[in-house]
Protein backbone atom coordinates (compact mmCIF):
# COMPACT_ATOMS: atom_id res chain seq x y z
CA UNK A 1 -195.27 -100.49 111.41
CA UNK A 2 -193.83 -99.36 108.10
CA UNK A 3 -194.17 -95.80 106.93
CA UNK A 4 -196.68 -95.15 104.18
CA UNK A 5 -195.08 -93.96 100.90
CA UNK A 6 -194.85 -90.24 100.74
CA UNK A 7 -196.09 -88.28 97.74
CA UNK A 8 -192.47 -87.49 96.74
CA UNK A 9 -191.49 -91.14 96.77
CA UNK A 10 -194.51 -92.08 94.61
CA UNK A 11 -193.66 -89.36 92.11
CA UNK A 12 -190.05 -90.62 91.94
CA UNK A 13 -191.26 -94.15 91.18
CA UNK A 14 -193.37 -92.90 88.27
CA UNK A 15 -190.41 -91.00 86.83
CA UNK A 16 -188.14 -94.07 87.05
CA UNK A 17 -190.79 -96.24 85.40
CA UNK A 18 -191.02 -93.75 82.54
CA UNK A 19 -187.28 -93.88 82.01
CA UNK A 20 -187.35 -97.69 81.84
CA UNK A 21 -190.19 -97.69 79.28
CA UNK A 22 -188.40 -95.13 77.14
CA UNK A 23 -185.20 -97.17 77.16
CA UNK A 24 -187.03 -100.34 76.07
CA UNK A 25 -189.06 -98.69 73.32
CA UNK A 26 -187.69 -99.45 69.77
CA UNK A 27 -185.94 -96.55 68.08
CA UNK A 28 -187.90 -94.77 65.39
CA UNK A 29 -187.16 -96.20 61.93
CA UNK A 30 -185.53 -93.76 59.55
CA UNK A 31 -187.02 -93.25 56.11
CA UNK A 32 -184.55 -94.94 53.74
CA UNK A 33 -186.68 -94.80 50.60
CA UNK A 34 -184.51 -93.56 47.72
CA UNK A 35 -185.61 -90.47 45.90
CA UNK A 36 -186.57 -91.50 42.36
CA UNK A 37 -184.97 -88.97 40.08
CA UNK A 38 -184.64 -91.08 36.93
CA UNK A 39 -186.85 -90.90 33.84
CA UNK A 40 -188.66 -93.73 32.02
CA UNK A 41 -189.67 -92.96 28.47
CA UNK A 42 -190.96 -94.70 25.36
CA UNK A 43 -188.36 -96.32 23.12
CA UNK A 44 -190.01 -94.84 20.04
CA UNK A 45 -188.70 -91.40 21.07
CA UNK A 46 -185.16 -92.52 20.20
CA UNK A 47 -185.97 -94.94 17.37
CA UNK A 48 -184.51 -94.23 13.93
CA UNK A 49 -186.67 -95.22 10.96
CA UNK A 50 -188.01 -98.72 11.68
CA UNK A 51 -188.88 -99.99 15.17
CA UNK A 52 -186.87 -102.94 16.54
CA UNK A 53 -187.21 -106.00 14.31
CA UNK A 54 -186.56 -109.72 14.76
CA UNK A 55 -184.67 -111.10 11.76
CA UNK A 56 -182.69 -114.19 10.74
CA UNK A 57 -185.06 -116.45 12.68
CA UNK A 58 -184.08 -120.13 12.85
CA UNK A 59 -185.35 -123.04 14.93
CA UNK A 60 -183.05 -122.18 17.86
CA UNK A 61 -182.17 -118.48 17.69
CA UNK A 62 -182.95 -115.09 16.16
CA UNK A 63 -181.37 -111.65 15.82
CA UNK A 64 -182.87 -108.34 16.89
CA UNK A 65 -181.82 -105.26 14.92
CA UNK A 66 -182.49 -101.73 16.10
CA UNK A 67 -180.98 -98.32 15.46
CA UNK A 68 -181.30 -95.61 18.08
CA UNK A 69 -180.83 -91.86 17.59
CA UNK A 70 -178.70 -91.60 20.72
CA UNK A 71 -176.19 -94.05 22.21
CA UNK A 72 -177.90 -96.63 24.44
CA UNK A 73 -176.79 -99.62 26.49
CA UNK A 74 -179.39 -101.87 24.91
CA UNK A 75 -180.88 -105.21 25.93
CA UNK A 76 -183.86 -107.32 24.94
CA UNK A 77 -185.84 -109.49 27.32
CA UNK A 78 -187.68 -112.46 25.86
CA UNK A 79 -189.62 -115.59 26.75
CA UNK A 80 -192.70 -117.65 25.99
CA UNK A 81 -194.94 -115.28 27.98
CA UNK A 82 -194.87 -111.62 28.97
CA UNK A 83 -193.07 -112.73 32.12
CA UNK A 84 -190.09 -113.10 29.72
CA UNK A 85 -187.28 -114.72 31.80
CA UNK A 86 -184.34 -114.45 29.36
CA UNK A 87 -182.18 -111.51 28.35
CA UNK A 88 -179.79 -110.79 25.47
CA UNK A 89 -177.36 -107.92 25.02
CA UNK A 90 -175.10 -106.75 22.22
CA UNK A 91 -171.89 -108.77 21.92
CA UNK A 92 -169.65 -105.73 22.26
CA UNK A 93 -166.78 -105.94 24.73
CA UNK A 94 -166.51 -102.15 24.81
CA UNK A 95 -169.34 -102.32 27.32
CA UNK A 96 -170.61 -98.84 26.48
CA UNK A 97 -173.61 -97.34 24.77
CA UNK A 98 -173.95 -97.22 20.98
CA UNK A 99 -176.57 -96.70 18.27
CA UNK A 100 -176.53 -99.89 16.16
CA UNK A 101 -177.88 -102.84 18.10
CA UNK A 102 -178.02 -106.51 17.10
CA UNK A 103 -178.27 -108.87 20.10
CA UNK A 104 -178.78 -112.57 19.42
CA UNK A 105 -181.69 -114.30 21.15
CA UNK A 106 -180.47 -117.85 21.71
CA UNK A 107 -181.68 -121.00 23.45
CA UNK A 108 -185.05 -120.98 21.69
CA UNK A 109 -187.37 -123.93 21.16
CA UNK A 110 -188.43 -124.79 17.59
CA UNK A 111 -191.87 -123.81 16.29
CA UNK A 112 -192.67 -121.71 19.36
CA UNK A 113 -194.07 -118.21 19.82
CA UNK A 114 -191.91 -115.84 21.84
CA UNK A 115 -192.56 -112.44 23.40
CA UNK A 116 -189.83 -109.81 23.48
CA UNK A 117 -189.30 -106.24 24.65
CA UNK A 118 -186.40 -103.91 23.92
CA UNK A 119 -185.03 -101.47 26.47
CA UNK A 120 -182.04 -99.16 26.62
CA UNK A 121 -180.34 -96.86 29.08
CA UNK A 122 -178.89 -93.49 28.06
CA UNK A 123 -175.82 -91.89 29.64
CA UNK A 124 -177.98 -89.54 31.73
CA UNK A 125 -179.81 -92.49 33.31
CA UNK A 126 -182.97 -92.21 31.24
CA UNK A 127 -184.51 -95.64 30.61
CA UNK A 128 -186.24 -96.11 27.25
CA UNK A 129 -188.66 -99.05 27.09
CA UNK A 130 -190.37 -100.53 24.04
CA UNK A 131 -193.67 -102.35 23.72
CA UNK A 132 -194.17 -106.11 23.75
CA UNK A 133 -193.71 -107.89 20.43
CA UNK A 134 -193.88 -111.49 19.28
CA UNK A 135 -192.19 -113.79 16.77
CA UNK A 136 -192.30 -117.50 16.02
CA UNK A 137 -189.33 -119.80 15.56
CA UNK A 138 -189.07 -122.17 12.60
CA UNK A 139 -189.65 -125.91 12.74
CA UNK A 140 -186.62 -128.11 13.41
CA UNK A 141 -184.23 -127.74 10.50
CA UNK A 142 -182.49 -130.83 9.25
CA UNK A 143 -178.79 -130.35 8.66
CA UNK A 144 -177.95 -131.19 5.07
CA UNK A 145 -174.24 -130.44 5.56
CA UNK A 146 -171.86 -131.24 8.38
CA UNK A 147 -169.45 -128.54 9.42
CA UNK A 148 -166.23 -130.53 9.63
CA UNK A 149 -164.55 -127.60 11.40
CA UNK A 150 -166.97 -127.63 14.33
CA UNK A 151 -166.47 -128.80 17.89
CA UNK A 152 -169.47 -131.07 17.37
CA UNK A 153 -167.68 -132.83 14.49
CA UNK A 154 -164.55 -133.31 16.58
CA UNK A 155 -162.48 -130.38 15.29
CA UNK A 156 -160.27 -128.41 17.66
CA UNK A 157 -158.29 -125.18 17.77
CA UNK A 158 -154.57 -126.00 17.74
CA UNK A 159 -153.22 -122.43 17.55
CA UNK A 160 -154.52 -118.88 17.93
CA UNK A 161 -152.85 -115.47 17.91
CA UNK A 162 -154.56 -114.49 21.19
CA UNK A 163 -157.86 -114.42 23.05
CA UNK A 164 -159.30 -111.20 24.45
CA UNK A 165 -158.55 -110.74 28.13
CA UNK A 166 -156.17 -113.69 28.12
CA UNK A 167 -159.14 -116.09 28.09
CA UNK A 168 -158.71 -119.80 27.51
CA UNK A 169 -160.03 -121.19 24.25
CA UNK A 170 -163.15 -122.55 25.96
CA UNK A 171 -163.95 -119.31 27.81
CA UNK A 172 -165.88 -116.22 26.70
CA UNK A 173 -164.18 -114.63 23.65
CA UNK A 174 -161.96 -117.72 23.38
CA UNK A 175 -161.08 -119.35 20.05
CA UNK A 176 -163.56 -122.22 20.52
CA UNK A 177 -166.35 -119.67 20.09
CA UNK A 178 -165.49 -119.53 16.38
CA UNK A 179 -166.36 -123.22 15.89
CA UNK A 180 -169.14 -123.81 18.44
CA UNK A 181 -172.04 -123.34 16.01
CA UNK A 182 -173.48 -120.51 18.12
CA UNK A 183 -173.78 -117.08 16.53
CA UNK A 184 -174.39 -115.54 19.95
CA UNK A 185 -170.71 -116.10 20.77
CA UNK A 186 -167.53 -114.99 19.02
CA UNK A 187 -163.78 -115.41 19.14
CA UNK A 188 -161.97 -112.13 19.68
CA UNK A 189 -158.25 -111.55 19.56
CA UNK A 190 -156.61 -109.17 22.02
CA UNK A 191 -156.03 -106.29 19.64
CA UNK A 192 -154.17 -108.31 17.00
CA UNK A 193 -155.69 -106.51 13.99
CA UNK A 194 -154.06 -107.80 10.79
CA UNK A 195 -151.83 -110.12 12.81
CA UNK A 196 -154.74 -112.25 14.04
CA UNK A 197 -154.86 -115.92 13.11
CA UNK A 198 -156.61 -119.11 14.13
CA UNK A 199 -155.70 -122.68 13.17
CA UNK A 200 -158.31 -125.44 13.25
CA UNK A 201 -157.56 -129.14 13.00
CA UNK A 202 -160.30 -131.41 11.63
CA UNK A 203 -161.07 -134.78 13.20
CA UNK A 204 -159.68 -136.43 10.05
CA UNK A 205 -158.38 -135.31 6.63
CA UNK A 206 -161.08 -134.23 4.21
CA UNK A 207 -161.61 -133.18 0.63
CA UNK A 208 -163.02 -129.69 1.18
CA UNK A 209 -165.21 -127.84 -1.32
CA UNK A 210 -166.50 -124.89 0.71
CA UNK A 211 -165.45 -122.74 3.66
CA UNK A 212 -167.71 -120.29 5.45
CA UNK A 213 -166.48 -117.26 7.41
CA UNK A 214 -168.35 -114.73 9.55
CA UNK A 215 -166.30 -111.81 10.88
CA UNK A 216 -167.12 -110.06 14.12
CA UNK A 217 -167.60 -106.28 14.28
CA UNK A 218 -167.61 -103.87 17.22
CA UNK A 219 -169.95 -100.88 17.43
CA UNK A 220 -167.04 -98.46 16.93
CA UNK A 221 -166.29 -100.02 13.53
CA UNK A 222 -163.18 -101.89 14.65
CA UNK A 223 -162.47 -105.64 14.63
CA UNK A 224 -163.94 -106.29 11.18
CA UNK A 225 -161.98 -108.60 8.87
CA UNK A 226 -162.00 -107.45 5.25
CA UNK A 227 -159.74 -110.13 3.77
CA UNK A 228 -158.00 -113.35 4.84
CA UNK A 229 -156.03 -116.31 3.56
CA UNK A 230 -156.24 -120.01 4.41
CA UNK A 231 -153.17 -122.24 4.71
CA UNK A 232 -153.46 -126.04 4.82
CA UNK A 233 -151.29 -128.40 6.84
CA UNK A 234 -149.37 -129.18 3.63
CA UNK A 235 -148.50 -125.50 3.21
CA UNK A 236 -150.90 -124.70 0.37
CA UNK A 237 -152.18 -121.12 0.58
CA UNK A 238 -155.72 -120.29 -0.55
CA UNK A 239 -157.03 -116.79 -1.18
CA UNK A 240 -157.01 -114.01 -0.28
CA UNK A 241 -160.77 -114.05 0.20
CA UNK A 242 -162.82 -110.87 0.71
CA UNK A 243 -165.66 -110.42 3.21
CA UNK A 244 -168.35 -107.94 2.19
CA UNK A 245 -169.57 -107.10 5.69
CA UNK A 246 -170.17 -108.50 9.18
CA UNK A 247 -173.90 -109.07 8.76
CA UNK A 248 -173.65 -112.77 7.95
CA UNK A 249 -171.37 -115.68 7.08
CA UNK A 250 -169.95 -115.77 3.56
CA UNK A 251 -169.14 -118.92 1.61
CA UNK A 252 -166.10 -119.47 -0.60
CA UNK A 253 -165.47 -122.36 -2.98
CA UNK A 254 -162.24 -124.30 -2.48
CA UNK A 255 -160.81 -127.54 -3.81
CA UNK A 256 -158.26 -128.93 -1.41
CA UNK A 257 -157.50 -131.93 0.76
CA UNK A 258 -156.49 -130.92 4.27
CA UNK A 259 -156.37 -131.99 7.90
CA UNK A 260 -156.01 -128.46 9.23
CA UNK A 261 -156.73 -124.90 8.10
CA UNK A 262 -155.09 -121.74 9.37
CA UNK A 263 -156.94 -118.47 8.78
CA UNK A 264 -154.70 -115.40 8.67
CA UNK A 265 -156.17 -111.89 8.60
CA UNK A 266 -154.64 -109.84 5.77
CA UNK A 267 -156.83 -106.73 5.91
CA UNK A 268 -159.10 -105.40 8.64
CA UNK A 269 -160.36 -102.34 10.50
CA UNK A 270 -157.90 -103.21 13.29
CA UNK A 271 -158.43 -103.84 16.97
CA UNK A 272 -159.86 -107.03 18.40
CA UNK A 273 -160.37 -108.86 15.11
CA UNK A 274 -162.03 -112.26 15.30
CA UNK A 275 -164.79 -114.54 14.08
CA UNK A 276 -168.41 -115.21 14.90
CA UNK A 277 -168.24 -118.55 13.09
CA UNK A 278 -165.97 -120.61 10.84
CA UNK A 279 -167.09 -123.66 8.87
CA UNK A 280 -165.61 -126.10 6.38
CA UNK A 281 -167.63 -128.53 4.27
CA UNK A 282 -166.47 -131.57 2.39
CA UNK A 283 -165.94 -135.32 2.55
CA UNK A 284 -163.66 -137.07 5.07
CA UNK A 285 -161.05 -139.15 3.22
CA UNK A 286 -158.57 -140.40 5.82
CA UNK A 287 -158.27 -142.00 9.20
CA UNK A 288 -158.50 -140.11 12.46
């Protein structure tokens, strides 16, 4: 006959069972919620004069202009509803905060209403957020002129002084950005200043009557082209031509037959000089 369990043995069994349960119980989860120490404020607190405005609206893109009283890393979110879905930032390779903002909202559909909201981050981490606004794109615009110096027309870059960051011509900041028909992109040299140049070969010779040039500009005032010359494949030099500012493309009358055009910077604010867009208009006269 087996002995009945003594009180001591029973107590020992309970203690062992407790140890087993404790070992199997999940460990307490630590509180990993981050302490929110940043500030969110209204954009109007740092707005100079006019609130952000949408300007230069076309059927496929638009430009937002905004001046802040303190340097901000600025962006604008936009879309067909207040869910937005797209974002644009200033095309400034410096990557820092500044006060003059002009991001390009691209990839838009014609004759469509869009919502947008501007936001910017200050150096101390404060986030400034604007209110929702709307704008409407224009109907599809028929092209009355063909830019013979565009990638679409078969033109190509045959020489360039340099591309920022050693990029290839078809990469960001590469020379192709000067002839891609997109003002949201730009060609930037790698600090060439007045030594910057770009040479564009047309798909075929043409009698040219107008060229159009849009210089890029960085927020620190550098990279702006003030004057340039154009040299044809036959060696004829045109210009110098003067650019008033970097707000838009400027047109210049010419009268020359050429297969290629080389733009040489002759005066600038230095740094990463380059172009938002380059165009040449005329009538093809020769074979490809």
